[in-house]
Amino acid sequence: MEIDKIKMVVLDADNKAVAMKELSDLFYAAKQIYDWLKEDNLSVDMKDTLFSLIESHTAHSAKLLGYDSNAAKEIDERYADIRNTNKKVHELEQRLAENTQIEGLKELMYAMHMALYKWWGLQGFNLVTDDEFGGSGYKGRFCLNLHRISFISSRPVTDKQNHKNRLEQMIEEGYELVEVDRHEYALLDTPVNRAKITSLVKSKFPSMDIYKWNNWCLHKQEGFQFRDFEAYIRDLSELKALMEEMNQVKDEDD
């Protein structure tokens, strides 16, 4: 009696390379959800984005491997419509970019960053660094050190009192702080503080995606204090609106 041979999947070199890429991206997206969920760092926006990617990679890889299922077909049809829409959006964005005036663009980006820097200081924090503008919007590192840095100030006494008032206000608002030195406080890395910071920035920038939180160990006691978080502001019009808002706020050195 002849034993039937196991039928193997056979692809040409090009299709195999594409399928491997789709499966690799599928694996990465699934692992990213797993890692962020495990660390309680999975935002609703990123959950939707990653599952959307998983669906797309599943449909493409299933088609390449010859797996015929209703689910794969439905996903593929759905994403065909999305791809057509995205193509039209990309064409419109390209036309807009081609007609955008270069003059003043650098100054506009600098003004938007400085408006964000000023607003962040008013919230009780110090720096926004590592800023970049790109295809995904504005990217920055939002420092969570509560020691306000003022490189040049003509009102050091007033600044000190305002900072003290803001710390007291943060405590009243429910932020969890710890005294690390005499009159020096640190923001603890806790679920409460993560939720409050997320709520604060999302109320001002609904399109913001926080993708990484950074902390370090407290020196004289147990626990961790925040260092910063890294995020994207996807909609630059939110920064433009903030710039106009901050222009109405009297500068601290005026």
Foldseek 3Di string as FASTA:
>chain_A
DDDDDDDDQDDPPVLVVVLVVLVVLLVVLVVLVVVCVVVVNDDPVSVVVSVLSNLVSVLSNCVSRVNDDPSSVVSVVVVVVVVVVVVVVVVVVVVVVVPDDPPCPVVLVVLLLVLVQVVLVLLQAEGWDPWDQDPQGIKTKRFQANPHDDPDAPCVPVVVVSNVVSVVVVVVVPFDWDDLDVVGIFGFPDPVNVVVVVVVVCVLQVQKDWDAWDWDARDPDGGITTGTTIIHRRDCVSSVVSSVVVVPPDDNRD
